[in-house]
Amino acid sequence: MIVYNITIKIVAEIEKEWVQWQINEHIPEIMATELFSDFKFYRLLEEDTNDGITYVVQYFSSTFENYTRYINSSASTLRQKSFEKWGDKFIAFRTVMQVVN
């Protein structure tokens, strides 16, 4: 199992609207690619929120090939939509992990 992990720090002023956008638009668009079998959406706790609020979205894929297909076919378009909507009010860090156990 491959986990595509996206950690996003957002400014507090957009939190409610951004969360709704994630739930109603962005995550469904990624899942509609049918390259991921599931996802989890988290809010980090016990953090200093003075410089923003941190969320994590994890997308689960059965194969590395599906993840690669997503990156090559859809990722740049969906990232661009994020920048067009939210500008510099967020920053995202992406990692790819393999489930060990």
N, C-alpha and C. Protein backbone atom coordinates (compact mmCIF):
# COMPACT_ATOMS: atom_id res chain seq x y z
N MET A 1 0.84 -1.18 0.00
CA MET A 1 0.00 0.00 0.00
C MET A 1 0.89 1.24 0.00
N ILE A 2 0.55 2.19 -0.86
CA ILE A 2 1.26 3.46 -0.98
C ILE A 2 0.37 4.55 -0.37
N VAL A 3 1.00 5.45 0.38
CA VAL A 3 0.28 6.57 0.98
C VAL A 3 0.88 7.86 0.43
N TYR A 4 0.05 8.63 -0.22
CA TYR A 4 0.43 9.96 -0.71
C TYR A 4 -0.02 10.94 0.36
N ASN A 5 0.93 11.51 1.07
CA ASN A 5 0.68 12.34 2.24
C ASN A 5 0.90 13.81 1.88
N ILE A 6 -0.12 14.64 2.10
CA ILE A 6 -0.01 16.07 1.85
C ILE A 6 -0.27 16.79 3.16
N THR A 7 0.74 17.53 3.62
CA THR A 7 0.63 18.33 4.83
C THR A 7 0.47 19.78 4.39
N ILE A 8 -0.59 20.42 4.86
CA ILE A 8 -0.92 21.77 4.40
C ILE A 8 -1.06 22.69 5.61
N LYS A 9 -0.39 23.82 5.56
CA LYS A 9 -0.54 24.86 6.58
C LYS A 9 -1.30 26.00 5.93
N ILE A 10 -2.40 26.40 6.57
CA ILE A 10 -3.25 27.45 6.03
C ILE A 10 -3.34 28.61 7.02
N VAL A 11 -3.64 29.79 6.52
CA VAL A 11 -3.87 30.92 7.42
C VAL A 11 -5.26 30.74 8.05
N ALA A 12 -5.37 31.16 9.30
CA ALA A 12 -6.59 30.91 10.07
C ALA A 12 -7.84 31.52 9.43
N GLU A 13 -7.70 32.63 8.76
CA GLU A 13 -8.87 33.33 8.21
C GLU A 13 -9.62 32.54 7.13
N ILE A 14 -8.98 31.56 6.52
CA ILE A 14 -9.65 30.79 5.47
C ILE A 14 -10.07 29.40 5.94
N GLU A 15 -9.83 29.08 7.20
CA GLU A 15 -9.99 27.69 7.65
C GLU A 15 -11.35 27.08 7.33
N LYS A 16 -12.44 27.71 7.73
CA LYS A 16 -13.76 27.10 7.54
C LYS A 16 -14.08 26.90 6.06
N GLU A 17 -13.82 27.90 5.25
CA GLU A 17 -14.10 27.79 3.82
C GLU A 17 -13.18 26.76 3.17
N TRP A 18 -11.91 26.75 3.57
CA TRP A 18 -10.93 25.82 3.00
C TRP A 18 -11.29 24.38 3.31
N VAL A 19 -11.68 24.11 4.57
CA VAL A 19 -12.08 22.75 4.96
C VAL A 19 -13.27 22.29 4.14
N GLN A 20 -14.27 23.15 3.97
CA GLN A 20 -15.44 22.79 3.16
C GLN A 20 -15.05 22.53 1.71
N TRP A 21 -14.14 23.34 1.19
CA TRP A 21 -13.65 23.15 -0.18
C TRP A 21 -12.95 21.81 -0.31
N GLN A 22 -12.12 21.46 0.68
CA GLN A 22 -11.45 20.16 0.66
C GLN A 22 -12.48 19.03 0.62
N ILE A 23 -13.44 19.09 1.53
CA ILE A 23 -14.43 18.01 1.67
C ILE A 23 -15.37 17.92 0.46
N ASN A 24 -15.80 19.06 -0.06
CA ASN A 24 -16.82 19.06 -1.11
C ASN A 24 -16.28 19.11 -2.53
N GLU A 25 -15.04 19.58 -2.72
CA GLU A 25 -14.52 19.72 -4.07
C GLU A 25 -13.19 19.02 -4.30
N HIS A 26 -12.17 19.45 -3.56
CA HIS A 26 -10.81 19.01 -3.89
C HIS A 26 -10.59 17.51 -3.67
N ILE A 27 -10.92 17.01 -2.50
CA ILE A 27 -10.75 15.58 -2.24
C ILE A 27 -11.60 14.75 -3.20
N PRO A 28 -12.87 15.10 -3.42
CA PRO A 28 -13.66 14.33 -4.40
C PRO A 28 -13.05 14.34 -5.81
N GLU A 29 -12.43 15.46 -6.23
CA GLU A 29 -11.78 15.50 -7.54
C GLU A 29 -10.62 14.51 -7.60
N ILE A 30 -9.84 14.45 -6.54
CA ILE A 30 -8.71 13.52 -6.52
C ILE A 30 -9.22 12.08 -6.50
N MET A 31 -10.22 11.81 -5.69
CA MET A 31 -10.77 10.45 -5.62
C MET A 31 -11.44 10.06 -6.94
N ALA A 32 -11.96 11.02 -7.69
CA ALA A 32 -12.60 10.72 -8.97
C ALA A 32 -11.62 10.20 -10.02
N THR A 33 -10.33 10.41 -9.80
CA THR A 33 -9.34 9.85 -10.73
C THR A 33 -9.33 8.33 -10.67
N GLU A 34 -9.89 7.78 -9.60
CA GLU A 34 -9.95 6.33 -9.36
C GLU A 34 -8.57 5.70 -9.22
N LEU A 35 -7.57 6.51 -8.90
CA LEU A 35 -6.21 6.00 -8.70
C LEU A 35 -5.89 5.78 -7.22
N PHE A 36 -6.80 6.22 -6.35
CA PHE A 36 -6.65 6.01 -4.92
C PHE A 36 -7.90 5.28 -4.41
N SER A 37 -7.70 4.38 -3.47
CA SER A 37 -8.82 3.58 -2.96
C SER A 37 -9.49 4.19 -1.74
N ASP A 38 -8.78 5.08 -1.04
CA ASP A 38 -9.34 5.67 0.17
C ASP A 38 -8.53 6.92 0.52
N PHE A 39 -9.03 7.68 1.48
CA PHE A 39 -8.31 8.85 1.97
C PHE A 39 -8.66 9.06 3.44
N LYS A 40 -7.82 9.83 4.11
CA LYS A 40 -8.07 10.28 5.48
C LYS A 40 -7.72 11.76 5.53
N PHE A 41 -8.48 12.52 6.31
CA PHE A 41 -8.31 13.96 6.42
C PHE A 41 -8.16 14.29 7.91
N TYR A 42 -7.06 14.93 8.28
CA TYR A 42 -6.73 15.18 9.68
C TYR A 42 -6.44 16.66 9.92
N ARG A 43 -6.65 17.08 11.15
CA ARG A 43 -6.19 18.40 11.63
C ARG A 43 -5.18 18.12 12.72
N LEU A 44 -4.01 18.73 12.63
CA LEU A 44 -2.98 18.56 13.64
C LEU A 44 -3.41 19.22 14.94
N LEU A 45 -3.17 18.53 16.04
CA LEU A 45 -3.45 19.07 17.37
C LEU A 45 -2.13 19.38 18.06
N GLU A 46 -2.22 20.09 19.14
CA GLU A 46 -1.05 20.41 19.96
C GLU A 46 0.06 21.07 19.15
N GLU A 47 -0.31 22.08 18.38
CA GLU A 47 0.67 22.83 17.61
C GLU A 47 0.48 24.31 17.87
N ASP A 48 1.52 25.07 17.64
CA ASP A 48 1.44 26.52 17.74
C ASP A 48 0.76 27.02 16.47
N THR A 49 -0.42 27.60 16.62
CA THR A 49 -1.19 28.02 15.44
C THR A 49 -0.97 29.50 15.10
N ASN A 50 0.01 30.13 15.70
CA ASN A 50 0.28 31.54 15.41
C ASN A 50 0.63 31.77 13.95
N ASP A 51 1.30 30.81 13.33
CA ASP A 51 1.69 30.97 11.93
C ASP A 51 0.83 30.13 10.98
N GLY A 52 -0.30 29.63 11.47
CA GLY A 52 -1.22 28.88 10.62
C GLY A 52 -1.70 27.61 11.28
N ILE A 53 -2.66 26.99 10.63
CA ILE A 53 -3.27 25.75 11.10
C ILE A 53 -2.87 24.65 10.13
N THR A 54 -2.51 23.50 10.68
CA THR A 54 -1.99 22.42 9.83
C THR A 54 -3.00 21.30 9.69
N TYR A 55 -3.19 20.88 8.45
CA TYR A 55 -4.03 19.73 8.10
C TYR A 55 -3.19 18.74 7.32
N VAL A 56 -3.63 17.48 7.34
CA VAL A 56 -2.97 16.43 6.57
C VAL A 56 -4.05 15.66 5.83
N VAL A 57 -3.81 15.41 4.55
CA VAL A 57 -4.67 14.54 3.77
C VAL A 57 -3.81 13.39 3.28
N GLN A 58 -4.27 12.17 3.51
CA GLN A 58 -3.55 10.99 3.04
C GLN A 58 -4.44 10.25 2.06
N TYR A 59 -3.86 9.95 0.90
CA TYR A 59 -4.55 9.19 -0.13
C TYR A 59 -3.87 7.83 -0.24
N PHE A 60 -4.66 6.77 -0.30
CA PHE A 60 -4.13 5.41 -0.29
C PHE A 60 -4.29 4.76 -1.67
N SER A 61 -3.19 4.19 -2.13
CA SER A 61 -3.17 3.53 -3.43
C SER A 61 -2.60 2.13 -3.28
N SER A 62 -3.17 1.20 -4.02
CA SER A 62 -2.68 -0.19 -3.92
C SER A 62 -1.34 -0.38 -4.61
N THR A 63 -1.01 0.52 -5.55
CA THR A 63 0.26 0.37 -6.27
C THR A 63 0.97 1.70 -6.45
N PHE A 64 2.28 1.64 -6.55
CA PHE A 64 3.07 2.83 -6.83
C PHE A 64 2.76 3.35 -8.24
N GLU A 65 2.41 2.45 -9.14
CA GLU A 65 2.08 2.84 -10.51
C GLU A 65 0.85 3.74 -10.54
N ASN A 66 -0.15 3.45 -9.72
CA ASN A 66 -1.34 4.31 -9.66
C ASN A 66 -0.97 5.70 -9.16
N TYR A 67 -0.13 5.76 -8.12
CA TYR A 67 0.34 7.04 -7.62
C TYR A 67 1.07 7.81 -8.73
N THR A 68 1.96 7.14 -9.44
CA THR A 68 2.72 7.77 -10.52
C THR A 68 1.79 8.27 -11.63
N ARG A 69 0.79 7.48 -11.94
CA ARG A 69 -0.19 7.89 -12.95
C ARG A 69 -0.92 9.16 -12.51
N TYR A 70 -1.27 9.23 -11.23
CA TYR A 70 -1.92 10.43 -10.71
C TYR A 70 -1.00 11.64 -10.86
N ILE A 71 0.24 11.51 -10.46
CA ILE A 71 1.20 12.62 -10.54
C ILE A 71 1.36 13.08 -11.99
N ASN A 72 1.45 12.15 -12.91
CA ASN A 72 1.67 12.48 -14.32
C ASN A 72 0.42 13.00 -15.03
N SER A 73 -0.75 12.59 -14.58
CA SER A 73 -1.96 12.94 -15.33
C SER A 73 -2.82 14.04 -14.70
N SER A 74 -2.82 14.14 -13.38
CA SER A 74 -3.80 15.03 -12.73
C SER A 74 -3.22 16.01 -11.73
N ALA A 75 -2.11 15.70 -11.13
CA ALA A 75 -1.61 16.48 -9.99
C ALA A 75 -1.39 17.95 -10.33
N SER A 76 -0.74 18.24 -11.43
CA SER A 76 -0.42 19.64 -11.72
C SER A 76 -1.69 20.47 -11.94
N THR A 77 -2.69 19.92 -12.60
CA THR A 77 -3.94 20.64 -12.83
C THR A 77 -4.65 20.94 -11.51
N LEU A 78 -4.70 19.94 -10.62
CA LEU A 78 -5.39 20.14 -9.35
C LEU A 78 -4.61 21.06 -8.43
N ARG A 79 -3.29 21.01 -8.48
CA ARG A 79 -2.48 21.95 -7.70
C ARG A 79 -2.71 23.38 -8.18
N GLN A 80 -2.78 23.56 -9.48
CA GLN A 80 -3.01 24.88 -10.05
C GLN A 80 -4.36 25.44 -9.60
N LYS A 81 -5.38 24.60 -9.56
CA LYS A 81 -6.69 25.04 -9.08
C LYS A 81 -6.60 25.53 -7.64
N SER A 82 -5.79 24.85 -6.83
CA SER A 82 -5.60 25.26 -5.43
C SER A 82 -4.98 26.65 -5.36
N PHE A 83 -3.94 26.86 -6.17
CA PHE A 83 -3.26 28.16 -6.16
C PHE A 83 -4.19 29.27 -6.68
N GLU A 84 -4.98 28.96 -7.68
CA GLU A 84 -5.91 29.96 -8.21
C GLU A 84 -6.97 30.35 -7.17
N LYS A 85 -7.40 29.39 -6.37
CA LYS A 85 -8.44 29.67 -5.37
C LYS A 85 -7.87 30.32 -4.11
N TRP A 86 -6.70 29.84 -3.62
CA TRP A 86 -6.21 30.25 -2.31
C TRP A 86 -4.94 31.09 -2.35
N GLY A 87 -4.31 31.22 -3.49
CA GLY A 87 -3.11 32.05 -3.60
C GLY A 87 -2.03 31.68 -2.61
N ASP A 88 -1.54 32.67 -1.89
CA ASP A 88 -0.45 32.43 -0.94
C ASP A 88 -0.94 32.21 0.48
N LYS A 89 -2.18 31.80 0.64
CA LYS A 89 -2.75 31.60 1.97
C LYS A 89 -2.53 30.18 2.48
N PHE A 90 -1.73 29.40 1.77
CA PHE A 90 -1.41 28.05 2.21
C PHE A 90 -0.03 27.65 1.67
N ILE A 91 0.51 26.64 2.31
CA ILE A 91 1.73 26.01 1.81
C ILE A 91 1.56 24.51 2.01
N ALA A 92 2.01 23.73 1.04
CA ALA A 92 1.82 22.28 1.10
C ALA A 92 3.16 21.56 0.93
N PHE A 93 3.30 20.48 1.69
CA PHE A 93 4.46 19.60 1.59
C PHE A 93 3.95 18.21 1.29
N ARG A 94 4.54 17.58 0.29
CA ARG A 94 4.06 16.28 -0.14
C ARG A 94 5.13 15.21 0.08
N THR A 95 4.69 14.06 0.56
CA THR A 95 5.58 12.90 0.73
C THR A 95 4.85 11.66 0.27
N VAL A 96 5.61 10.65 -0.09
CA VAL A 96 5.05 9.37 -0.49
C VAL A 96 5.64 8.31 0.44
N MET A 97 4.78 7.48 0.98
CA MET A 97 5.21 6.46 1.94
C MET A 97 4.69 5.10 1.51
N GLN A 98 5.36 4.08 2.00
CA GLN A 98 4.90 2.71 1.78
C GLN A 98 4.53 2.13 3.13
N VAL A 99 3.36 1.51 3.22
CA VAL A 99 2.94 0.87 4.46
C VAL A 99 3.85 -0.34 4.69
N VAL A 100 4.40 -0.43 5.89
CA VAL A 100 5.34 -1.51 6.22
C VAL A 100 4.62 -2.67 6.90
N ASN A 101 3.65 -2.37 7.71
CA ASN A 101 3.01 -3.43 8.48
C ASN A 101 1.49 -3.35 8.32
